[in-house]
């Protein structure tokens, strides 16, 4: 699946404690389902890391930067960020992008 034109992203997020862990899992599953349906999304995977601290890894592959930025313009993505259910502890990508 490796493609030098794809944008590869890894993030580690942690709950802010605004909602119980199970509710955050539900919100992330809903976000994932919508994101996977985007034309520019190759992969969007949410991986639970530490339930006690509410940490998750996000593994993302996008067709290109434009697809990544289009995802961040989606209403559901903006609403997820605005809800402040999590904080981004770590983010790295194969090309420089702005969050």
N, C-alpha and C. Protein backbone atom coordinates (compact mmCIF):
# COMPACT_ATOMS: atom_id res chain seq x y z
N UNK A 1 0.82 -1.19 0.00
CA UNK A 1 0.00 0.00 0.00
C UNK A 1 0.87 1.26 0.00
N UNK A 2 2.14 1.17 0.28
CA UNK A 2 3.01 2.35 0.32
C UNK A 2 2.99 3.06 -1.01
N UNK A 3 2.77 4.35 -0.94
CA UNK A 3 2.75 5.20 -2.12
C UNK A 3 3.43 6.50 -1.73
N UNK A 4 4.47 6.89 -2.43
CA UNK A 4 5.23 8.08 -2.07
C UNK A 4 4.42 9.36 -2.17
N UNK A 5 3.29 9.33 -2.87
CA UNK A 5 2.45 10.51 -2.98
C UNK A 5 1.46 10.65 -1.85
N UNK A 6 1.23 9.56 -1.11
CA UNK A 6 0.28 9.60 -0.01
C UNK A 6 0.85 10.41 1.15
N UNK A 7 -0.04 10.93 1.98
CA UNK A 7 0.33 11.62 3.21
C UNK A 7 0.03 10.67 4.37
N UNK A 8 1.05 10.33 5.12
CA UNK A 8 0.94 9.41 6.26
C UNK A 8 0.99 10.22 7.55
N UNK A 9 0.03 9.98 8.45
CA UNK A 9 -0.03 10.73 9.71
C UNK A 9 -0.21 9.77 10.88
N UNK A 10 0.42 10.12 11.99
CA UNK A 10 0.23 9.40 13.24
C UNK A 10 -0.01 10.43 14.33
N UNK A 11 -1.03 10.20 15.12
CA UNK A 11 -1.32 11.09 16.24
C UNK A 11 -1.58 10.26 17.48
N UNK A 12 -1.22 10.81 18.63
CA UNK A 12 -1.60 10.22 19.91
C UNK A 12 -2.45 11.27 20.59
N UNK A 13 -3.66 10.86 20.96
CA UNK A 13 -4.59 11.78 21.61
C UNK A 13 -4.95 11.25 22.99
N UNK A 14 -5.40 12.16 23.86
CA UNK A 14 -5.80 11.77 25.20
C UNK A 14 -7.08 12.52 25.55
N UNK A 15 -7.97 11.87 26.25
CA UNK A 15 -9.22 12.47 26.66
C UNK A 15 -8.98 13.70 27.53
N UNK A 16 -9.88 14.67 27.43
CA UNK A 16 -9.85 15.83 28.32
C UNK A 16 -10.67 15.55 29.57
N UNK A 17 -11.38 14.43 29.57
CA UNK A 17 -12.22 14.09 30.71
C UNK A 17 -13.61 14.71 30.66
N UNK A 18 -13.94 15.39 29.56
CA UNK A 18 -15.27 16.01 29.44
C UNK A 18 -16.37 14.96 29.34
N UNK A 19 -16.03 13.81 28.79
CA UNK A 19 -17.00 12.73 28.67
C UNK A 19 -16.34 11.44 29.15
N UNK A 20 -17.14 10.47 29.58
CA UNK A 20 -16.57 9.18 29.98
C UNK A 20 -15.84 8.51 28.81
N UNK A 21 -14.91 7.64 29.14
CA UNK A 21 -14.10 6.93 28.14
C UNK A 21 -14.98 6.29 27.06
N UNK A 22 -16.03 5.59 27.47
CA UNK A 22 -16.89 4.87 26.53
C UNK A 22 -17.55 5.84 25.55
N UNK A 23 -17.90 7.03 26.02
CA UNK A 23 -18.52 8.02 25.15
C UNK A 23 -17.51 8.56 24.14
N UNK A 24 -16.26 8.75 24.58
CA UNK A 24 -15.21 9.19 23.66
C UNK A 24 -14.98 8.12 22.59
N UNK A 25 -14.97 6.86 22.98
CA UNK A 25 -14.83 5.76 22.02
C UNK A 25 -15.94 5.86 20.97
N UNK A 26 -17.16 6.12 21.41
CA UNK A 26 -18.31 6.25 20.49
C UNK A 26 -18.10 7.43 19.54
N UNK A 27 -17.69 8.57 20.06
CA UNK A 27 -17.44 9.75 19.21
C UNK A 27 -16.34 9.47 18.19
N UNK A 28 -15.28 8.81 18.63
CA UNK A 28 -14.18 8.48 17.71
C UNK A 28 -14.63 7.49 16.64
N UNK A 29 -15.49 6.54 17.01
CA UNK A 29 -16.00 5.58 16.03
C UNK A 29 -16.86 6.29 14.99
N UNK A 30 -17.67 7.24 15.43
CA UNK A 30 -18.51 8.01 14.49
C UNK A 30 -17.63 8.85 13.56
N UNK A 31 -16.62 9.50 14.12
CA UNK A 31 -15.70 10.29 13.31
C UNK A 31 -14.99 9.40 12.30
N UNK A 32 -14.55 8.23 12.74
CA UNK A 32 -13.85 7.30 11.87
C UNK A 32 -14.74 6.85 10.71
N UNK A 33 -15.97 6.50 11.02
CA UNK A 33 -16.90 6.02 9.99
C UNK A 33 -17.11 7.08 8.91
N UNK A 34 -17.30 8.33 9.31
CA UNK A 34 -17.49 9.41 8.35
C UNK A 34 -16.22 9.70 7.58
N UNK A 35 -15.09 9.66 8.27
CA UNK A 35 -13.81 9.97 7.63
C UNK A 35 -13.46 8.93 6.58
N UNK A 36 -13.65 7.67 6.88
CA UNK A 36 -13.33 6.59 5.95
C UNK A 36 -14.12 6.73 4.65
N UNK A 37 -15.29 7.33 4.73
CA UNK A 37 -16.13 7.51 3.54
C UNK A 37 -15.64 8.65 2.63
N UNK A 38 -14.72 9.47 3.12
CA UNK A 38 -14.20 10.58 2.32
C UNK A 38 -13.39 10.03 1.14
N UNK A 39 -13.54 10.66 0.00
CA UNK A 39 -12.85 10.21 -1.22
C UNK A 39 -11.33 10.19 -1.07
N UNK A 40 -10.77 11.12 -0.31
CA UNK A 40 -9.32 11.23 -0.19
C UNK A 40 -8.72 10.41 0.94
N UNK A 41 -9.55 9.69 1.68
CA UNK A 41 -9.06 8.90 2.81
C UNK A 41 -8.72 7.48 2.36
N UNK A 42 -7.48 7.10 2.56
CA UNK A 42 -7.04 5.74 2.27
C UNK A 42 -7.21 4.88 3.53
N UNK A 43 -6.87 5.44 4.69
CA UNK A 43 -7.02 4.72 5.95
C UNK A 43 -7.19 5.72 7.08
N UNK A 44 -8.05 5.40 8.02
CA UNK A 44 -8.23 6.18 9.25
C UNK A 44 -8.54 5.17 10.33
N UNK A 45 -7.58 4.91 11.18
CA UNK A 45 -7.73 3.85 12.19
C UNK A 45 -7.52 4.45 13.58
N UNK A 46 -8.45 4.16 14.47
CA UNK A 46 -8.36 4.56 15.87
C UNK A 46 -7.96 3.34 16.67
N UNK A 47 -6.86 3.46 17.41
CA UNK A 47 -6.34 2.33 18.18
C UNK A 47 -6.29 2.71 19.66
N UNK A 48 -7.06 2.04 20.52
CA UNK A 48 -6.98 2.32 21.96
C UNK A 48 -5.59 1.97 22.49
N UNK A 49 -5.03 2.85 23.31
CA UNK A 49 -3.71 2.59 23.90
C UNK A 49 -3.81 2.29 25.39
N UNK A 50 -4.25 3.26 26.16
CA UNK A 50 -4.34 3.10 27.61
C UNK A 50 -5.72 3.55 28.08
N UNK A 51 -6.56 2.60 28.42
CA UNK A 51 -7.91 2.94 28.86
C UNK A 51 -7.88 3.79 30.12
N UNK A 52 -6.99 3.49 31.05
CA UNK A 52 -6.94 4.22 32.32
C UNK A 52 -6.68 5.71 32.12
N UNK A 53 -5.91 6.06 31.09
CA UNK A 53 -5.61 7.47 30.83
C UNK A 53 -6.37 8.01 29.62
N UNK A 54 -7.16 7.15 28.97
CA UNK A 54 -7.96 7.59 27.84
C UNK A 54 -7.12 8.00 26.63
N UNK A 55 -6.09 7.22 26.34
CA UNK A 55 -5.19 7.54 25.22
C UNK A 55 -5.49 6.63 24.03
N UNK A 56 -5.34 7.23 22.84
CA UNK A 56 -5.58 6.54 21.58
C UNK A 56 -4.51 6.94 20.58
N UNK A 57 -4.24 6.06 19.63
CA UNK A 57 -3.42 6.42 18.47
C UNK A 57 -4.36 6.55 17.28
N UNK A 58 -4.05 7.50 16.43
CA UNK A 58 -4.77 7.63 15.16
C UNK A 58 -3.75 7.41 14.06
N UNK A 59 -4.05 6.47 13.17
CA UNK A 59 -3.19 6.22 12.01
C UNK A 59 -3.98 6.61 10.79
N UNK A 60 -3.43 7.53 10.03
CA UNK A 60 -4.15 8.07 8.89
C UNK A 60 -3.29 8.01 7.63
N UNK A 61 -3.93 7.70 6.52
CA UNK A 61 -3.28 7.80 5.21
C UNK A 61 -4.25 8.55 4.31
N UNK A 62 -3.74 9.60 3.68
CA UNK A 62 -4.52 10.45 2.78
C UNK A 62 -3.91 10.41 1.39
N UNK A 63 -4.74 10.58 0.37
CA UNK A 63 -4.23 10.57 -1.01
C UNK A 63 -3.19 11.66 -1.21
N UNK A 64 -3.37 12.79 -0.51
CA UNK A 64 -2.45 13.91 -0.63
C UNK A 64 -2.79 14.94 0.44
N UNK A 65 -2.04 16.04 0.46
CA UNK A 65 -2.31 17.09 1.45
C UNK A 65 -3.70 17.70 1.26
N UNK A 66 -4.12 17.85 0.02
CA UNK A 66 -5.44 18.44 -0.25
C UNK A 66 -6.54 17.61 0.42
N UNK A 67 -6.42 16.30 0.38
CA UNK A 67 -7.41 15.43 1.02
C UNK A 67 -7.38 15.59 2.53
N UNK A 68 -6.19 15.72 3.10
CA UNK A 68 -6.02 15.94 4.54
C UNK A 68 -6.72 17.24 4.94
N UNK A 69 -6.45 18.31 4.20
CA UNK A 69 -7.05 19.60 4.53
C UNK A 69 -8.55 19.59 4.27
N UNK A 70 -9.02 18.87 3.26
CA UNK A 70 -10.46 18.76 3.00
C UNK A 70 -11.15 18.08 4.18
N UNK A 71 -10.50 17.08 4.76
CA UNK A 71 -11.03 16.40 5.94
C UNK A 71 -11.22 17.38 7.09
N UNK A 72 -10.24 18.25 7.28
CA UNK A 72 -10.31 19.21 8.38
C UNK A 72 -11.33 20.33 8.12
N UNK A 73 -11.85 20.41 6.92
CA UNK A 73 -12.90 21.39 6.60
C UNK A 73 -14.30 20.79 6.73
N UNK A 74 -14.38 19.48 6.93
CA UNK A 74 -15.68 18.83 7.08
C UNK A 74 -16.35 19.30 8.38
N UNK A 75 -17.64 19.49 8.34
CA UNK A 75 -18.39 19.94 9.51
C UNK A 75 -18.18 19.00 10.70
N UNK A 76 -18.26 17.69 10.47
CA UNK A 76 -18.12 16.73 11.57
C UNK A 76 -16.71 16.77 12.18
N UNK A 77 -15.68 17.05 11.38
CA UNK A 77 -14.33 17.16 11.92
C UNK A 77 -14.21 18.42 12.77
N UNK A 78 -14.72 19.52 12.26
CA UNK A 78 -14.69 20.78 13.01
C UNK A 78 -15.46 20.65 14.33
N UNK A 79 -16.62 20.00 14.29
CA UNK A 79 -17.42 19.81 15.50
C UNK A 79 -16.69 18.95 16.52
N UNK A 80 -15.98 17.92 16.04
CA UNK A 80 -15.22 17.06 16.95
C UNK A 80 -14.13 17.88 17.66
N UNK A 81 -13.39 18.68 16.90
CA UNK A 81 -12.33 19.51 17.50
C UNK A 81 -12.93 20.55 18.44
N UNK A 82 -14.03 21.17 18.05
CA UNK A 82 -14.66 22.22 18.87
C UNK A 82 -15.20 21.66 20.18
N UNK A 83 -15.58 20.40 20.21
CA UNK A 83 -16.10 19.79 21.43
C UNK A 83 -15.01 19.60 22.48
N UNK A 84 -13.76 19.66 22.07
CA UNK A 84 -12.60 19.53 22.97
C UNK A 84 -12.70 18.28 23.85
N UNK A 85 -13.01 17.15 23.21
CA UNK A 85 -13.09 15.88 23.93
C UNK A 85 -11.72 15.26 24.13
N UNK A 86 -10.74 15.73 23.35
CA UNK A 86 -9.39 15.17 23.46
C UNK A 86 -8.36 16.26 23.22
N UNK A 87 -7.13 15.94 23.58
CA UNK A 87 -5.99 16.81 23.27
C UNK A 87 -5.00 15.99 22.45
N UNK A 88 -4.29 16.66 21.58
CA UNK A 88 -3.29 15.99 20.76
C UNK A 88 -1.97 16.03 21.50
N UNK A 89 -1.49 14.87 21.91
CA UNK A 89 -0.21 14.77 22.61
C UNK A 89 0.97 14.75 21.64
N UNK A 90 0.72 14.15 20.47
CA UNK A 90 1.79 13.93 19.51
C UNK A 90 1.19 13.88 18.12
N UNK A 91 1.86 14.50 17.16
CA UNK A 91 1.43 14.41 15.78
C UNK A 91 2.67 14.44 14.90
N UNK A 92 2.71 13.51 13.97
CA UNK A 92 3.81 13.48 13.00
C UNK A 92 3.25 13.05 11.66
N UNK A 93 3.81 13.60 10.59
CA UNK A 93 3.34 13.25 9.26
C UNK A 93 4.51 13.16 8.29
N UNK A 94 4.27 12.50 7.17
CA UNK A 94 5.32 12.28 6.18
C UNK A 94 5.65 13.57 5.42
N UNK A 95 4.75 14.54 5.46
CA UNK A 95 4.98 15.88 4.91
C UNK A 95 4.49 16.89 5.94
N UNK A 96 5.05 18.06 5.94
CA UNK A 96 4.64 19.09 6.88
C UNK A 96 3.22 19.54 6.57
N UNK A 97 2.36 19.49 7.57
CA UNK A 97 0.98 19.98 7.47
C UNK A 97 0.68 20.78 8.74
N UNK A 98 -0.27 21.67 8.61
CA UNK A 98 -0.73 22.46 9.76
C UNK A 98 -2.04 21.89 10.26
N UNK A 99 -2.15 21.77 11.57
CA UNK A 99 -3.40 21.29 12.16
C UNK A 99 -4.30 22.46 12.48
